[in-house]
Amino acid sequence: VFLGSEDYPYKGVLDKLANRCLARGTNAWTDVDHTAYTVTTAGTQGLLNLLPIYVDHMLRPTLTDEGFVTEIHHVTGEGENKGVVYCEMQGRENSAESVAERACLGALYSKTGYASETGGICDNIRKLENKTIQRYHSEFYRAENLCLIVTGGVDAGQLLDVVDEALARSWPAEKVSSSKGLTRPWTTPVPPPTLPYASRDVVFPSADEETGLVVCGWRASKYGDPHTDCRATLLWQYLCDGAASPMTKRFVDEGLCSGVFPSGDTFRIGYRQVWFDDVATDSLEKVQSEFDAALKEQSNKGVDPTRMRDIIARQKRKTLAACEDDPCALLVSPVLKHFIYADQRDETTTLKALGDALGLLEYAQSLEIETWEADLQKLASSADERVWVISRPSAAEASRQRDEEESRKQATIKKEGPEGLKALQTKLDKAQEVNEREIPSAMLSCVPEPDLEEATTQLFDVQSFPGSTALTKSAEAWVSPGQQWALDHVDGTQFCRVDVCCDTRGLAPELREFLPLLSEVLLKAPTYDDQGDVVSADDN
């Protein structure tokens, strides 16, 4: 997509035009069920100018053979497999986390697209052809599969006019007609699981065989049940978040692992996981029984209402901070999931509930403690619904993969011979030459530069010291004499952020080694209150 479109057939032209439109280039990510392309501009004009060009790149990319060679996969003149995507997946495919994730989702979603490796498996990439990518694009990159999310101060009428014009050019009537009857992605029902799951033991290449990781996964709520999902998220924060959490005390404080982290995702039927990092290899098998015992113990103890209130209050603060720092991020996921999984996309009741993060927290705050305890008891009694994956380090696997890569290279050298290798290098050189050809200056100036004054009118009014007498008086009341300070103030914010910088120039070199350790334990150590009494980390 980023190598050019039919109207703009040059690599890098999209990012250069984005910079002209007051954006810091473009970006993209690929998830299990979607690929997202993003751009952030200062002001409205730049976005409206760039949008038709961006849509053209998505719906009408060039997808040339030369682009495939450099960006996806090629064989060099030395017989090595390379390519931007290939090398990226080569580095990621065999990490402890990726190996465990594939095994976990493969068990939970056997024979479905949810179990796929989003970036591709290297063995498959080596066999991939450009015509397969072109066919995939023609089948799935259709206007009806395109969800456009725009946030900020944009006039709706202007935006819709620009979108209509962009689609009329990049997705004309004949394409609309040809795509009728094609199946909407991700509408196939998810088959029921075969319980109980068999535990899985996988290996990842590592010269250090001292620690591995363990992940536990299970299917969660269906799409469209935001209340159940909200309760599950908060319950796992209660169990795992912070030094005082039950799972941290059980696993981290006892030295079984370095951290316990819940995660998950929303699909037509979603999933949840708990990850245990840096588990000693001789303790990997202990995690499952310890986890089941910990859940049972917590179920018997019940849920501490005070701690649960604190968890909800903390999440509320985080949500309010996210509303100020990056409101777009709060909206993107609910809108994307609704677009992908809602039976009726124009039915917005569920979407509004999913997007109302503060409303969901208000719901959670209103619940009786019995509801939380019922959820915890259900979790403790559902051991048969969980799959366990041990990701074990293996120096032998690292050696095997190195030998396999070298054998593949030597087989290519033998098969191609000197002339064949020379032809492969020539093919790569020509592809690079085509992809790196100069962009015409007229194309780089084909969009007008936005009005800087219009862009700056949408910025926040920031008061700074020095320059504000009121701020200076306030700060002098907060800061001890002799300390240096700087202060910025934005009207309307609900938060005060404090950054403390410590001068370490006088610290002895042998003590500097302990700075990372100090930063790790500083907020977990006891403190003194105003009366000089010691306050434990759990009570801070």
Protein backbone atom coordinates (compact mmCIF):
# COMPACT_ATOMS: atom_id res chain seq x y z
CA VAL A 1 0.00 0.00 0.00
CA PHE A 2 2.78 2.44 0.87
CA LEU A 3 4.65 1.78 -2.39
CA GLY A 4 2.21 3.87 -4.42
CA SER A 5 -1.24 3.86 -5.99
CA GLU A 6 -2.56 4.02 -9.52
CA ASP A 7 -2.71 7.83 -9.40
CA TYR A 8 0.47 8.18 -7.31
CA PRO A 9 2.71 5.28 -8.40
CA TYR A 10 5.85 6.12 -6.40
CA LYS A 11 7.29 4.73 -3.19
CA GLY A 12 7.22 7.26 -0.36
CA VAL A 13 4.97 9.77 -2.10
CA LEU A 14 2.21 9.23 0.48
CA ASP A 15 4.46 10.09 3.42
CA LYS A 16 5.91 13.11 1.66
CA LEU A 17 2.45 14.45 0.87
CA ALA A 18 1.40 13.70 4.45
CA ASN A 19 4.28 15.84 5.71
CA ARG A 20 3.14 18.62 3.38
CA CYS A 21 -0.32 18.32 4.96
CA LEU A 22 1.13 18.89 8.47
CA ALA A 23 1.31 15.23 9.46
CA ARG A 24 4.26 13.19 10.69
CA GLY A 25 4.01 10.67 7.89
CA THR A 26 1.62 7.72 8.00
CA ASN A 27 1.51 4.45 9.89
CA ALA A 28 -0.26 1.09 9.92
CA TRP A 29 -0.72 -2.02 12.00
CA THR A 30 -2.09 -5.49 11.30
CA ASP A 31 -4.15 -7.35 13.88
CA VAL A 32 -5.84 -10.74 13.76
CA ASP A 33 -9.06 -9.41 12.24
CA HIS A 34 -8.13 -6.13 10.55
CA THR A 35 -5.41 -3.89 9.17
CA ALA A 36 -5.52 -0.21 10.17
CA TYR A 37 -3.88 2.71 8.37
CA THR A 38 -3.43 5.92 10.33
CA VAL A 39 -2.49 9.55 9.88
CA THR A 40 -2.66 12.49 12.27
CA THR A 41 -2.65 16.04 10.91
CA ALA A 42 -2.53 19.44 12.53
CA GLY A 43 -5.78 21.12 11.55
CA THR A 44 -8.59 20.15 9.21
CA GLN A 45 -7.33 21.31 5.82
CA GLY A 46 -4.39 18.93 5.74
CA LEU A 47 -6.59 15.92 6.52
CA LEU A 48 -9.15 16.77 3.86
CA ASN A 49 -6.39 17.32 1.28
CA LEU A 50 -4.65 14.04 2.08
CA LEU A 51 -7.68 11.78 2.54
CA PRO A 52 -8.45 11.10 -1.18
CA ILE A 53 -4.79 10.21 -1.78
CA TYR A 54 -4.73 7.88 1.23
CA VAL A 55 -7.94 6.15 0.12
CA ASP A 56 -6.49 5.71 -3.37
CA HIS A 57 -3.44 3.98 -1.88
CA MET A 58 -5.67 1.60 0.08
CA LEU A 59 -8.14 0.73 -2.69
CA ARG A 60 -5.87 1.02 -5.73
CA PRO A 61 -2.28 0.20 -4.72
CA THR A 62 0.15 -0.68 -7.48
CA LEU A 63 1.13 -4.07 -5.95
CA THR A 64 3.93 -4.46 -8.49
CA ASP A 65 6.25 -7.44 -8.78
CA GLU A 66 9.14 -5.10 -7.96
CA GLY A 67 7.41 -4.05 -4.75
CA PHE A 68 6.88 -7.69 -3.79
CA VAL A 69 10.56 -8.47 -4.33
CA THR A 70 11.89 -5.74 -2.02
CA GLU A 71 9.13 -5.50 0.58
CA ILE A 72 7.91 -9.11 0.93
CA HIS A 73 10.49 -11.70 -0.11
CA HIS A 74 13.43 -12.27 -2.38
CA VAL A 75 16.57 -14.39 -2.60
CA THR A 76 19.85 -12.48 -2.75
CA GLY A 77 22.82 -13.14 -4.94
CA GLU A 78 24.38 -14.96 -1.96
CA GLY A 79 21.42 -17.36 -1.78
CA GLU A 80 19.90 -15.82 1.37
CA ASN A 81 16.16 -15.26 1.92
CA LYS A 82 15.44 -11.58 2.57
CA GLY A 83 12.71 -8.95 2.25
CA VAL A 84 11.29 -6.40 4.69
CA VAL A 85 8.33 -8.54 5.79
CA TYR A 86 10.34 -11.77 5.72
CA CYS A 87 13.09 -10.38 7.96
CA GLU A 88 10.56 -8.85 10.34
CA MET A 89 8.76 -12.16 10.76
CA GLN A 90 12.05 -14.04 10.98
CA GLY A 91 12.84 -11.99 14.07
CA ARG A 92 9.36 -12.33 15.57
CA GLU A 93 8.14 -15.78 14.57
CA ASN A 94 10.29 -17.74 16.99
CA SER A 95 10.20 -15.48 20.04
CA ALA A 96 8.92 -17.04 23.26
CA GLU A 97 5.78 -14.90 23.13
CA SER A 98 4.92 -15.59 19.49
CA VAL A 99 5.43 -19.35 19.81
CA ALA A 100 3.21 -19.43 22.91
CA GLU A 101 0.55 -17.16 21.37
CA ARG A 102 0.21 -19.31 18.25
CA ALA A 103 -0.12 -22.46 20.35
CA CYS A 104 -2.70 -20.86 22.64
CA LEU A 105 -4.89 -19.39 19.89
CA GLY A 106 -4.45 -22.55 17.84
CA ALA A 107 -6.06 -24.50 20.68
CA LEU A 108 -8.81 -21.97 21.38
CA TYR A 109 -9.72 -21.32 17.72
CA SER A 110 -8.67 -24.44 15.85
CA LYS A 111 -9.24 -24.28 12.07
CA THR A 112 -10.38 -20.63 12.11
CA GLY A 113 -8.74 -17.38 11.01
CA TYR A 114 -8.37 -16.27 14.63
CA ALA A 115 -5.49 -18.76 15.04
CA SER A 116 -3.49 -17.25 12.16
CA GLU A 117 -0.13 -15.53 12.53
CA THR A 118 -0.97 -12.02 11.32
CA GLY A 119 2.45 -11.31 9.83
CA GLY A 120 2.77 -14.70 8.17
CA ILE A 121 5.02 -17.70 8.77
CA CYS A 122 8.42 -17.58 7.08
CA ASP A 123 7.91 -20.96 5.42
CA ASN A 124 4.69 -19.66 3.84
CA ILE A 125 6.27 -16.33 2.87
CA ARG A 126 9.00 -18.17 0.95
CA LYS A 127 6.29 -19.87 -1.12
CA LEU A 128 4.15 -16.73 -1.53
CA GLU A 129 3.61 -15.16 -4.95
CA ASN A 130 2.61 -11.61 -5.80
CA LYS A 131 -0.51 -12.78 -7.66
CA THR A 132 -1.79 -14.27 -4.37
CA ILE A 133 -1.47 -10.85 -2.71
CA GLN A 134 -3.19 -9.19 -5.67
CA ARG A 135 -6.06 -11.69 -5.48
CA TYR A 136 -6.40 -11.20 -1.72
CA HIS A 137 -6.50 -7.42 -2.17
CA SER A 138 -9.19 -7.61 -4.85
CA GLU A 139 -11.35 -9.86 -2.65
CA PHE A 140 -11.07 -8.04 0.67
CA TYR A 141 -9.92 -4.46 0.09
CA ARG A 142 -13.38 -3.32 -0.98
CA ALA A 143 -15.17 -0.11 -0.12
CA GLU A 144 -17.82 -1.98 1.90
CA ASN A 145 -15.02 -3.41 4.06
CA LEU A 146 -13.49 0.02 4.63
CA CYS A 147 -14.26 1.69 7.96
CA LEU A 148 -13.16 5.33 8.06
CA ILE A 149 -12.74 6.79 11.56
CA VAL A 150 -12.13 10.53 11.79
CA THR A 151 -11.73 12.35 15.11
CA GLY A 152 -11.16 16.00 15.84
CA GLY A 153 -12.64 19.31 14.77
CA VAL A 154 -13.71 18.38 11.24
CA ASP A 155 -16.86 19.73 9.59
CA ALA A 156 -19.04 16.69 8.83
CA GLY A 157 -20.40 18.10 5.59
CA GLN A 158 -16.95 18.87 4.21
CA LEU A 159 -15.70 15.45 5.24
CA LEU A 160 -18.54 13.56 3.58
CA ASP A 161 -18.07 15.55 0.37
CA VAL A 162 -14.38 14.62 0.28
CA VAL A 163 -15.13 10.95 1.02
CA ASP A 164 -17.77 10.79 -1.73
CA GLU A 165 -15.32 12.30 -4.20
CA ALA A 166 -12.54 9.91 -3.14
CA LEU A 167 -14.71 6.81 -3.45
CA ALA A 168 -16.11 7.92 -6.79
CA ARG A 169 -12.57 7.97 -8.13
CA SER A 170 -11.01 5.02 -6.29
CA TRP A 171 -14.09 2.77 -6.15
CA PRO A 172 -16.20 3.53 -9.26
CA ALA A 173 -19.60 2.03 -10.07
CA GLU A 174 -18.20 -0.97 -11.96
CA LYS A 175 -16.23 -2.05 -8.88
CA VAL A 176 -19.30 -1.63 -6.68
CA SER A 177 -21.22 -3.89 -9.04
CA SER A 178 -18.47 -6.55 -9.25
CA SER A 179 -18.18 -6.85 -5.44
CA LYS A 180 -21.87 -7.58 -4.84
CA GLY A 181 -22.51 -11.02 -3.40
CA LEU A 182 -19.06 -11.38 -1.87
CA THR A 183 -19.07 -12.64 1.71
CA ARG A 184 -18.49 -10.19 4.53
CA PRO A 185 -15.36 -11.24 6.47
CA TRP A 186 -15.57 -12.69 10.00
CA THR A 187 -19.24 -13.62 9.80
CA THR A 188 -18.68 -17.39 9.98
CA PRO A 189 -19.84 -18.81 13.35
CA VAL A 190 -17.02 -19.86 15.65
CA PRO A 191 -17.20 -23.65 16.21
CA PRO A 192 -17.59 -24.77 19.84
CA PRO A 193 -14.43 -25.85 21.66
CA THR A 194 -13.50 -29.45 22.31
CA LEU A 195 -13.09 -29.65 26.09
CA PRO A 196 -11.02 -30.28 28.04
CA TYR A 197 -8.04 -28.81 26.21
CA ALA A 198 -4.75 -30.66 26.12
CA SER A 199 -1.84 -28.73 27.59
CA ARG A 200 0.82 -27.73 25.08
CA ASP A 201 4.58 -27.68 25.50
CA VAL A 202 6.43 -25.69 22.83
CA VAL A 203 10.05 -24.60 22.45
CA PHE A 204 11.65 -21.37 21.29
CA PRO A 205 15.29 -20.89 20.27
CA SER A 206 17.44 -19.47 23.05
CA ALA A 207 21.05 -19.89 24.13
CA ASP A 208 19.90 -19.05 27.68
CA GLU A 209 17.85 -21.97 28.96
CA GLU A 210 17.26 -20.64 32.47
CA THR A 211 13.78 -19.13 32.06
CA GLY A 212 10.70 -19.60 29.89
CA LEU A 213 7.12 -18.40 30.05
CA VAL A 214 3.68 -19.84 30.63
CA VAL A 215 0.36 -18.63 29.23
CA CYS A 216 -3.13 -19.70 30.18
CA GLY A 217 -6.04 -18.93 27.82
CA TRP A 218 -9.78 -19.47 27.58
CA ARG A 219 -12.70 -18.29 25.51
CA ALA A 220 -14.51 -15.28 26.89
CA SER A 221 -17.70 -13.35 26.15
CA LYS A 222 -19.34 -12.93 22.75
CA TYR A 223 -19.19 -9.61 20.97
CA GLY A 224 -21.93 -7.28 22.17
CA ASP A 225 -21.71 -8.01 25.91
CA PRO A 226 -19.80 -4.97 27.22
CA HIS A 227 -20.91 -5.40 30.83
CA THR A 228 -19.48 -8.93 31.13
CA ASP A 229 -16.29 -7.82 29.41
CA CYS A 230 -15.95 -4.81 31.72
CA ARG A 231 -16.39 -6.94 34.84
CA ALA A 232 -13.82 -9.47 33.62
CA THR A 233 -11.26 -6.73 32.89
CA LEU A 234 -11.68 -5.17 36.32
CA LEU A 235 -11.63 -8.53 38.10
CA TRP A 236 -8.31 -9.42 36.50
CA GLN A 237 -6.94 -6.02 37.47
CA TYR A 238 -8.04 -6.81 41.02
CA LEU A 239 -6.20 -10.14 40.87
CA CYS A 240 -3.00 -9.02 39.09
CA ASP A 241 -2.51 -5.25 39.15
CA GLY A 242 0.02 -3.85 41.60
CA ALA A 243 2.31 -5.13 44.30
CA ALA A 244 -0.63 -5.75 46.64
CA SER A 245 -2.58 -7.92 44.19
CA PRO A 246 -3.15 -11.59 45.08
CA MET A 247 -1.46 -13.03 41.99
CA THR A 248 1.58 -10.75 42.34
CA LYS A 249 2.01 -11.86 45.95
CA ARG A 250 1.52 -15.51 45.05
CA PHE A 251 3.80 -15.67 42.01
CA VAL A 252 6.18 -12.68 41.95
CA ASP A 253 6.87 -12.26 45.67
CA GLU A 254 7.41 -16.01 45.98
CA GLY A 255 9.92 -15.93 43.12
CA LEU A 256 7.98 -18.14 40.72
CA CYS A 257 8.01 -15.53 37.91
CA SER A 258 8.86 -11.88 37.28
CA GLY A 259 5.35 -10.75 36.42
CA VAL A 260 1.72 -11.83 35.94
CA PHE A 261 -0.09 -10.03 33.12
CA PRO A 262 -3.71 -10.49 31.97
CA SER A 263 -4.61 -9.81 28.34
CA GLY A 264 -7.26 -10.66 25.75
CA ASP A 265 -9.13 -9.52 22.67
CA THR A 266 -12.66 -9.13 21.37
CA PHE A 267 -13.69 -11.39 18.48
CA ARG A 268 -17.08 -12.80 17.55
CA ILE A 269 -16.28 -14.91 20.61
CA GLY A 270 -13.35 -13.30 22.43
CA TYR A 271 -10.64 -14.74 24.63
CA ARG A 272 -8.65 -13.94 27.75
CA GLN A 273 -5.16 -14.90 28.81
CA VAL A 274 -2.84 -14.70 31.78
CA TRP A 275 0.89 -14.56 31.08
CA PHE A 276 3.62 -15.59 33.52
CA ASP A 277 6.99 -14.13 32.52
CA ASP A 278 10.52 -15.33 33.31
CA VAL A 279 9.59 -18.60 34.97
CA ALA A 280 12.56 -20.79 35.93
CA THR A 281 12.63 -23.81 33.62
CA ASP A 282 12.43 -26.24 36.54
CA SER A 283 9.26 -24.46 37.74
CA LEU A 284 7.35 -24.22 34.45
CA GLU A 285 5.12 -27.20 35.27
CA LYS A 286 4.25 -25.77 38.70
CA VAL A 287 2.47 -22.68 37.40
CA GLN A 288 -0.82 -24.36 36.46
CA SER A 289 -1.42 -25.99 39.85
CA GLU A 290 -0.34 -22.84 41.70
CA PHE A 291 -2.71 -20.75 39.57
CA ASP A 292 -5.68 -23.05 40.14
CA ALA A 293 -4.93 -23.11 43.87
CA ALA A 294 -4.60 -19.31 43.99
CA LEU A 295 -7.96 -18.84 42.27
CA LYS A 296 -9.62 -21.30 44.62
CA GLU A 297 -8.07 -19.57 47.63
CA GLN A 298 -9.24 -16.16 46.46
CA SER A 299 -12.70 -17.53 45.75
CA ASN A 300 -12.91 -18.80 49.31
CA LYS A 301 -11.68 -15.47 50.70
CA GLY A 302 -14.08 -13.45 48.58
CA VAL A 303 -13.53 -10.02 47.04
CA ASP A 304 -12.31 -7.12 49.20
CA PRO A 305 -14.83 -4.33 48.48
CA THR A 306 -12.38 -1.58 49.42
CA ARG A 307 -9.71 -2.82 47.02
CA MET A 308 -12.27 -3.32 44.26
CA ARG A 309 -13.48 0.27 44.72
CA ASP A 310 -9.85 1.41 44.48
CA ILE A 311 -9.34 -0.62 41.30
CA ILE A 312 -12.41 0.97 39.66
CA ALA A 313 -11.41 4.46 40.82
CA ARG A 314 -7.88 3.98 39.43
CA GLN A 315 -9.25 2.76 36.10
CA LYS A 316 -11.57 5.76 36.01
CA ARG A 317 -8.59 8.09 36.46
CA LYS A 318 -6.71 6.29 33.68
CA THR A 319 -9.71 6.60 31.39
CA LEU A 320 -10.11 10.32 32.12
CA ALA A 321 -6.40 10.81 31.44
CA ALA A 322 -6.73 8.90 28.15
CA CYS A 323 -9.67 11.13 27.22
CA GLU A 324 -7.34 14.12 27.49
CA ASP A 325 -4.14 12.58 26.10
CA ASP A 326 -5.48 10.49 23.20
CA PRO A 327 -9.28 10.44 22.88
CA CYS A 328 -9.01 8.90 19.41
CA ALA A 329 -7.45 5.73 20.87
CA LEU A 330 -10.46 5.27 23.15
CA LEU A 331 -12.83 5.35 20.18
CA VAL A 332 -10.93 3.34 17.58
CA SER A 333 -11.19 -0.13 19.12
CA PRO A 334 -14.96 -0.04 19.89
CA VAL A 335 -15.74 1.34 16.42
CA LEU A 336 -13.54 -1.22 14.65
CA LYS A 337 -14.97 -4.16 16.60
CA HIS A 338 -18.53 -2.96 15.92
CA PHE A 339 -17.77 -2.63 12.22
CA ILE A 340 -16.27 -6.13 12.08
CA TYR A 341 -18.64 -8.11 14.32
CA ALA A 342 -21.97 -6.32 14.69
CA ASP A 343 -24.74 -8.15 12.87
CA GLN A 344 -26.23 -4.79 11.86
CA ARG A 345 -23.60 -2.08 11.46
CA ASP A 346 -26.15 0.73 11.62
CA GLU A 347 -27.44 -0.51 15.00
CA THR A 348 -25.51 1.71 17.41
CA THR A 349 -26.84 0.75 20.86
CA THR A 350 -24.02 -1.73 21.48
CA LEU A 351 -21.47 0.63 19.94
CA LYS A 352 -22.49 3.44 22.28
CA ALA A 353 -22.20 1.10 25.28
CA LEU A 354 -18.76 -0.12 24.16
CA GLY A 355 -17.54 3.41 23.53
CA ASP A 356 -18.79 4.77 26.85
CA ALA A 357 -15.82 3.69 28.96
CA LEU A 358 -16.79 5.96 31.85
CA GLY A 359 -20.38 4.70 31.73
CA LEU A 360 -19.15 1.10 31.99
CA LEU A 361 -17.09 2.03 35.04
CA GLU A 362 -20.12 3.68 36.60
CA TYR A 363 -21.97 0.41 36.02
CA ALA A 364 -19.14 -1.51 37.69
CA GLN A 365 -19.17 0.90 40.62
CA SER A 366 -22.86 0.22 41.21
CA LEU A 367 -22.45 -3.56 41.51
CA GLU A 368 -22.85 -5.38 44.80
CA ILE A 369 -19.88 -7.36 46.06
CA GLU A 370 -21.87 -10.57 45.52
CA THR A 371 -21.67 -10.04 41.75
CA TRP A 372 -17.87 -9.86 41.83
CA GLU A 373 -17.66 -12.91 44.05
CA ALA A 374 -19.95 -14.87 41.74
CA ASP A 375 -17.68 -14.01 38.80
CA LEU A 376 -14.62 -15.06 40.80
CA GLN A 377 -16.23 -18.36 41.84
CA LYS A 378 -17.14 -19.09 38.22
CA LEU A 379 -13.56 -18.39 37.20
CA ALA A 380 -12.17 -20.66 39.91
CA SER A 381 -14.45 -23.53 38.90
CA SER A 382 -13.69 -23.34 35.15
CA ALA A 383 -10.29 -25.07 35.08
CA ASP A 384 -11.43 -27.48 32.33
CA GLU A 385 -12.17 -24.52 30.03
CA ARG A 386 -8.58 -23.24 30.13
CA VAL A 387 -5.68 -24.24 27.89
CA TRP A 388 -2.12 -24.10 29.22
CA VAL A 389 0.94 -23.49 27.09
CA ILE A 390 4.53 -23.79 28.31
CA SER A 391 7.06 -21.95 26.13
CA ARG A 392 10.40 -23.57 26.91
CA PRO A 393 13.85 -22.22 25.92
CA SER A 394 16.02 -24.55 23.85
CA ALA A 395 19.62 -24.09 22.77
CA ALA A 396 19.21 -27.19 20.62
CA GLU A 397 16.30 -25.52 18.76
CA ALA A 398 18.42 -22.40 18.21
CA SER A 399 21.18 -24.58 16.75
CA ARG A 400 18.70 -26.53 14.61
CA GLN A 401 17.24 -23.35 13.13
CA ARG A 402 20.70 -21.94 12.36
CA ASP A 403 21.68 -25.19 10.66
CA GLU A 404 18.39 -25.27 8.75
CA GLU A 405 18.90 -21.70 7.51
CA GLU A 406 22.44 -22.48 6.40
CA SER A 407 21.29 -25.70 4.68
CA ARG A 408 18.58 -23.74 2.86
CA LYS A 409 21.15 -21.21 1.70
CA GLN A 410 23.56 -23.91 0.47
CA ALA A 411 20.73 -25.74 -1.31
CA THR A 412 19.82 -22.52 -3.13
CA ILE A 413 23.45 -21.92 -4.12
CA LYS A 414 23.71 -25.47 -5.46
CA LYS A 415 20.37 -25.28 -7.28
CA GLU A 416 20.89 -21.86 -8.89
CA GLY A 417 24.59 -22.02 -9.63
CA PRO A 418 26.66 -18.90 -10.35
CA GLU A 419 24.51 -17.73 -13.25
CA GLY A 420 21.26 -18.27 -11.36
CA LEU A 421 22.53 -16.36 -8.32
CA LYS A 422 23.67 -13.55 -10.57
CA ALA A 423 20.18 -13.43 -12.12
CA LEU A 424 18.59 -13.29 -8.66
CA GLN A 425 20.81 -10.35 -7.69
CA THR A 426 20.05 -8.60 -10.99
CA LYS A 427 16.33 -9.05 -10.33
CA LEU A 428 16.71 -7.50 -6.88
CA ASP A 429 18.81 -4.59 -8.17
CA LYS A 430 16.26 -3.79 -10.88
CA ALA A 431 13.40 -3.95 -8.36
CA GLN A 432 15.24 -1.54 -6.05
CA GLU A 433 15.92 0.78 -8.97
CA VAL A 434 12.24 0.83 -9.93
CA ASN A 435 11.04 1.34 -6.37
CA GLU A 436 13.54 4.10 -5.60
CA ARG A 437 12.96 6.17 -8.74
CA GLU A 438 12.58 9.88 -8.12
CA ILE A 439 9.14 11.33 -7.45
CA PRO A 440 8.24 14.12 -9.90
CA SER A 441 8.28 17.52 -8.20
CA ALA A 442 4.85 18.32 -9.68
CA MET A 443 3.36 15.37 -7.82
CA LEU A 444 4.89 16.49 -4.53
CA SER A 445 3.20 19.88 -4.90
CA CYS A 446 -0.16 18.57 -6.16
CA VAL A 447 -1.91 19.30 -2.85
CA PRO A 448 -2.06 22.82 -1.43
CA GLU A 449 -0.22 23.58 1.78
CA PRO A 450 -2.65 24.01 4.69
CA ASP A 451 -3.13 27.35 6.38
CA LEU A 452 -0.91 27.31 9.47
CA GLU A 453 -3.08 29.87 11.22
CA GLU A 454 -6.14 27.63 10.77
CA ALA A 455 -4.22 24.68 12.18
CA THR A 456 -3.04 26.54 15.27
CA THR A 457 -6.53 27.78 16.18
CA GLN A 458 -7.36 24.22 17.26
CA LEU A 459 -4.47 23.99 19.73
CA PHE A 460 -4.85 24.26 23.50
CA ASP A 461 -4.02 27.54 25.22
CA VAL A 462 -0.98 26.77 27.41
CA GLN A 463 0.25 29.11 30.13
CA SER A 464 3.90 28.66 31.07
CA PHE A 465 6.37 29.98 33.63
CA PRO A 466 7.97 32.41 33.29
CA GLY A 467 5.35 34.78 31.96
CA SER A 468 2.33 34.05 34.17
CA THR A 469 2.22 35.83 37.51
CA ALA A 470 -0.60 33.66 38.82
CA LEU A 471 1.30 30.50 37.98
CA THR A 472 4.47 31.81 39.60
CA LYS A 473 2.66 32.51 42.89
CA SER A 474 1.05 29.06 42.86
CA ALA A 475 4.31 27.28 42.17
CA GLU A 476 6.22 29.18 44.86
CA ALA A 477 3.71 27.84 47.37
CA TRP A 478 4.31 24.26 46.24
CA VAL A 479 8.08 24.13 45.74
CA SER A 480 10.71 24.28 48.48
CA PRO A 481 13.13 27.25 48.33
CA GLY A 482 16.22 26.58 46.22
CA GLN A 483 14.62 23.92 44.05
CA GLN A 484 14.40 24.48 40.31
CA TRP A 485 11.04 24.09 38.65
CA ALA A 486 9.07 24.65 35.46
CA LEU A 487 5.30 24.83 35.10
CA ASP A 488 2.79 24.59 32.25
CA HIS A 489 -0.96 24.97 32.69
CA VAL A 490 -3.82 23.95 30.36
CA ASP A 491 -7.32 25.14 31.21
CA GLY A 492 -9.93 22.41 31.62
CA THR A 493 -7.62 19.54 32.47
CA GLN A 494 -8.55 17.32 35.40
CA PHE A 495 -4.99 16.26 36.17
CA CYS A 496 -1.72 17.53 37.50
CA ARG A 497 1.36 15.78 36.16
CA VAL A 498 4.64 16.04 38.05
CA ASP A 499 8.01 15.09 36.58
CA VAL A 500 10.91 14.95 39.03
CA CYS A 501 14.47 15.06 37.70
CA CYS A 502 17.37 14.09 39.95
CA ASP A 503 20.91 15.35 39.36
CA THR A 504 23.20 12.30 39.39
CA ARG A 505 26.40 14.06 38.29
CA GLY A 506 27.94 13.60 41.73
CA LEU A 507 27.05 9.92 42.00
CA ALA A 508 30.00 7.54 42.16
CA PRO A 509 30.34 5.26 39.10
CA GLU A 510 29.95 2.10 41.16
CA LEU A 511 26.63 3.41 42.53
CA ARG A 512 25.22 4.27 39.11
CA GLU A 513 24.76 0.55 38.46
CA PHE A 514 22.02 0.56 41.08
CA LEU A 515 19.92 3.34 39.50
CA PRO A 516 17.70 0.94 37.49
CA LEU A 517 17.11 -1.06 40.67
CA LEU A 518 16.27 2.11 42.60
CA SER A 519 13.77 3.22 39.95
CA GLU A 520 12.15 -0.23 40.08
CA VAL A 521 11.67 -0.34 43.87
CA LEU A 522 11.18 3.36 44.61
CA LEU A 523 7.39 3.36 44.34
CA LYS A 524 7.12 -0.07 45.97
CA ALA A 525 9.06 0.88 49.11
CA PRO A 526 7.52 2.11 52.42
CA THR A 527 7.25 5.88 52.94
CA TYR A 528 6.74 8.31 55.80
CA ASP A 529 3.55 10.29 56.36
CA ASP A 530 3.33 13.87 57.66
CA GLN A 531 3.58 12.64 61.25
CA GLY A 532 6.74 10.63 60.55
CA ASP A 533 5.05 7.26 60.76
CA VAL A 534 6.02 4.50 58.33
CA VAL A 535 3.39 3.71 55.69
CA SER A 536 3.73 0.36 53.91
CA ALA A 537 3.70 0.11 50.12
CA ASP A 538 0.36 -1.73 50.26
CA ASP A 539 -1.25 1.30 51.94
CA ASN A 540 0.26 3.95 49.65
